Amino acid sequence: MKQIAIDFAPRTLRRTLYQTSAWTWLCTLIGLAICIAAGLAARSLFDQIDTQEATLRRVHTKLNERSDNKPVVKKVVVSDAQATAVNAAIAQLNLPWRDVFDAMEGATPKTIALLTLEPDAKRNLVRGMAEAKTSDDMIAYIEQLKKQDFFTSVLLTKHEINEQDPNKPLRFQFEAQWAGEIP
């Protein structure tokens, strides 16, 4: 026969604790342990956050002290002559050297010895001196320079035979101008 649970006694805490199953006690203890672990982990995270905020406040304080201690920089006034000189130097430095050399290299045959190149940034001009064995080589070189797309004009400015050299080469000077802004 099956046991019948008849209980007319009043419900008290002692009686409820006595009737609670072991499984319920185990789940309660596990839940309590999880809550305690979560609380400790949260407390650890809050401590880390507090430490980082304190470090951040110290860094901000140091940065503010450094920015407050910056010396006042005097405003430098540049005269028109200085500005012109600086702009001329910058223009000289900003010559399109790669394009000039590529155009010269593309036009210079083995029969021509290129001796000097002198740029003039104000006029977008390069002056050169070269040597050739014959006047035909010299003329062919000047014509070849004129065919270069980079140069807008090429002029033969001077030529002479170098009597001091035993081969007596023809030394000549030329000017090649390229397109660009001329101030």
Protein backbone atom coordinates (compact mmCIF):
# COMPACT_ATOMS: atom_id res chain seq x y z
CA MET A 1 0.00 0.00 0.00
CA LYS A 2 1.11 3.44 -0.81
CA GLN A 3 2.05 5.81 1.95
CA ILE A 4 -0.15 8.84 2.27
CA ALA A 5 1.45 12.04 3.40
CA ILE A 6 -1.00 13.68 5.70
CA ASP A 7 0.40 16.56 7.65
CA PHE A 8 -1.75 18.92 9.69
CA ALA A 9 1.08 20.55 11.62
CA PRO A 10 1.62 24.27 11.12
CA ARG A 11 4.38 25.27 8.71
CA THR A 12 7.47 26.52 10.44
CA LEU A 13 10.99 27.25 9.33
CA ARG A 14 12.38 24.26 11.14
CA ARG A 15 9.88 21.96 9.55
CA THR A 16 10.49 23.41 6.02
CA LEU A 17 14.24 22.95 6.41
CA TYR A 18 13.74 19.40 7.56
CA GLN A 19 11.53 18.53 4.61
CA THR A 20 13.84 20.11 1.97
CA SER A 21 15.50 17.47 -0.20
CA ALA A 22 19.25 17.02 -0.55
CA TRP A 23 19.03 17.87 -4.24
CA THR A 24 17.52 21.26 -3.45
CA TRP A 25 20.25 21.91 -0.84
CA LEU A 26 22.93 21.01 -3.39
CA CYS A 27 21.47 23.32 -6.09
CA THR A 28 21.16 26.12 -3.53
CA LEU A 29 24.80 25.73 -2.46
CA ILE A 30 26.00 25.66 -6.08
CA GLY A 31 23.94 28.77 -6.89
CA LEU A 32 25.29 30.53 -3.80
CA ALA A 33 28.87 29.61 -4.79
CA ILE A 34 28.31 30.97 -8.31
CA CYS A 35 26.91 34.21 -6.90
CA ILE A 36 29.88 34.62 -4.56
CA ALA A 37 32.34 33.93 -7.43
CA ALA A 38 30.55 36.43 -9.68
CA GLY A 39 30.61 39.02 -6.90
CA LEU A 40 34.35 38.52 -6.34
CA ALA A 41 35.04 38.73 -10.10
CA ALA A 42 32.99 41.93 -10.36
CA ARG A 43 34.82 43.41 -7.39
CA SER A 44 38.16 42.55 -9.03
CA LEU A 45 37.07 44.23 -12.28
CA PHE A 46 35.89 47.33 -10.41
CA ASP A 47 39.28 47.48 -8.63
CA GLN A 48 41.07 47.27 -12.00
CA ILE A 49 38.87 50.02 -13.42
CA ASP A 50 39.58 52.22 -10.39
CA THR A 51 43.33 51.63 -10.79
CA GLN A 52 43.23 52.47 -14.50
CA GLU A 53 41.16 55.61 -13.86
CA ALA A 54 43.67 56.76 -11.25
CA THR A 55 46.53 56.16 -13.70
CA LEU A 56 44.63 58.06 -16.39
CA ARG A 57 44.05 61.00 -14.03
CA ARG A 58 47.79 61.09 -13.20
CA VAL A 59 48.69 61.06 -16.90
CA HIS A 60 46.19 63.85 -17.65
CA THR A 61 47.59 65.87 -14.78
CA LYS A 62 51.15 65.46 -16.10
CA LEU A 63 50.04 66.39 -19.63
CA ASN A 64 48.27 69.49 -18.35
CA GLU A 65 51.38 70.48 -16.40
CA ARG A 66 53.53 70.05 -19.50
CA SER A 67 51.16 72.05 -21.69
CA ASP A 68 50.98 74.81 -19.09
CA ASN A 69 54.78 75.03 -18.97
CA LYS A 70 55.23 75.53 -22.74
CA PRO A 71 57.16 78.68 -23.54
CA VAL A 72 55.45 81.34 -25.58
CA VAL A 73 56.75 81.21 -29.14
CA LYS A 74 57.37 84.56 -30.74
CA LYS A 75 55.80 85.08 -34.10
CA VAL A 76 58.48 85.35 -36.75
CA VAL A 77 57.96 88.07 -39.29
CA VAL A 78 59.50 87.35 -42.68
CA SER A 79 60.36 90.28 -44.88
CA ASP A 80 59.49 90.30 -48.57
CA ALA A 81 63.15 89.95 -49.53
CA GLN A 82 63.56 86.90 -47.29
CA ALA A 83 60.37 85.36 -48.65
CA THR A 84 61.57 85.90 -52.21
CA ALA A 85 64.95 84.34 -51.42
CA VAL A 86 63.33 81.33 -49.75
CA ASN A 87 60.92 80.86 -52.65
CA ALA A 88 63.80 81.06 -55.14
CA ALA A 89 65.73 78.42 -53.18
CA ILE A 90 62.67 76.17 -53.06
CA ALA A 91 62.12 76.61 -56.79
CA GLN A 92 65.76 75.66 -57.38
CA LEU A 93 65.33 72.54 -55.22
CA ASN A 94 62.08 71.59 -56.94
CA LEU A 95 63.57 71.31 -60.40
CA PRO A 96 62.20 68.35 -62.36
CA TRP A 97 65.63 66.68 -62.36
CA ARG A 98 64.35 63.23 -63.23
CA ASP A 99 62.55 64.56 -66.31
CA VAL A 100 65.57 66.64 -67.35
CA PHE A 101 67.93 63.68 -67.01
CA ASP A 102 65.55 61.30 -68.76
CA ALA A 103 65.19 63.69 -71.71
CA MET A 104 68.97 64.25 -71.88
CA GLU A 105 69.71 60.55 -71.58
CA GLY A 106 67.17 59.70 -74.26
CA ALA A 107 68.74 62.15 -76.72
CA THR A 108 72.46 61.67 -76.02
CA PRO A 109 74.17 59.19 -78.36
CA LYS A 110 77.52 57.55 -77.65
CA THR A 111 79.28 60.00 -79.97
CA ILE A 112 78.48 62.92 -77.63
CA ALA A 113 80.27 63.51 -74.33
CA LEU A 114 78.04 65.56 -72.03
CA LEU A 115 80.33 67.63 -69.79
CA THR A 116 78.11 69.91 -67.69
CA LEU A 117 74.48 70.72 -66.94
CA GLU A 118 73.56 73.96 -65.16
CA PRO A 119 69.91 74.53 -64.26
CA ASP A 120 68.20 77.91 -64.14
CA ALA A 121 64.99 77.44 -62.17
CA LYS A 122 63.70 80.97 -62.77
CA ARG A 123 63.65 80.49 -66.52
CA ASN A 124 62.94 76.70 -66.64
CA LEU A 125 66.19 76.35 -68.51
CA VAL A 126 69.17 74.04 -68.42
CA ARG A 127 72.51 75.03 -69.94
CA GLY A 128 74.77 72.27 -71.07
CA MET A 129 78.26 71.80 -72.44
CA ALA A 130 79.22 68.79 -74.55
CA GLU A 131 81.86 67.55 -76.95
CA ALA A 132 81.47 65.84 -80.31
CA LYS A 133 83.94 64.52 -82.86
CA THR A 134 82.30 66.25 -85.80
CA SER A 135 79.94 69.12 -86.45
CA ASP A 136 77.44 66.66 -87.93
CA ASP A 137 77.30 64.83 -84.58
CA MET A 138 76.78 68.16 -82.81
CA ILE A 139 73.90 69.19 -85.12
CA ALA A 140 72.32 65.73 -84.89
CA TYR A 141 72.45 65.94 -81.08
CA ILE A 142 70.79 69.37 -81.00
CA GLU A 143 68.08 68.09 -83.37
CA GLN A 144 67.59 65.02 -81.18
CA LEU A 145 67.16 67.25 -78.12
CA LYS A 146 64.55 69.29 -80.01
CA LYS A 147 62.60 66.09 -80.65
CA GLN A 148 62.30 65.37 -76.92
CA ASP A 149 58.75 66.08 -75.69
CA PHE A 150 60.01 67.48 -72.40
CA PHE A 151 61.90 70.41 -73.96
CA THR A 152 60.01 73.25 -75.63
CA SER A 153 63.09 74.79 -77.25
CA VAL A 154 66.75 73.91 -77.67
CA LEU A 155 69.36 76.42 -78.88
CA LEU A 156 72.99 75.99 -79.80
CA THR A 157 74.66 79.00 -78.13
CA LYS A 158 78.39 78.51 -78.76
CA HIS A 159 80.79 76.07 -80.38
CA GLU A 160 84.57 75.87 -80.81
CA ILE A 161 87.25 73.35 -81.58
CA ASN A 162 89.35 72.37 -78.57
CA GLU A 163 92.86 72.87 -79.91
CA GLN A 164 94.53 71.69 -76.69
CA ASP A 165 93.16 68.17 -77.03
CA PRO A 166 95.07 65.98 -79.52
CA ASN A 167 91.77 64.62 -80.93
CA LYS A 168 90.56 68.22 -81.50
CA PRO A 169 86.91 67.62 -80.42
CA LEU A 170 84.20 70.15 -81.11
CA ARG A 171 83.10 71.64 -77.77
CA PHE A 172 79.67 73.30 -77.80
CA GLN A 173 77.20 74.89 -75.43
CA PHE A 174 73.43 74.72 -75.65
CA GLU A 175 70.32 75.81 -73.78
CA ALA A 176 67.22 73.65 -73.42
CA GLN A 177 64.01 75.07 -71.99
CA TRP A 178 61.09 73.07 -70.64
CA ALA A 179 57.47 74.03 -70.15
CA GLY A 180 56.32 75.25 -66.78
CA GLU A 181 55.43 78.37 -64.86
CA ILE A 182 57.93 81.16 -65.17
CA PRO A 183 57.40 83.69 -62.35
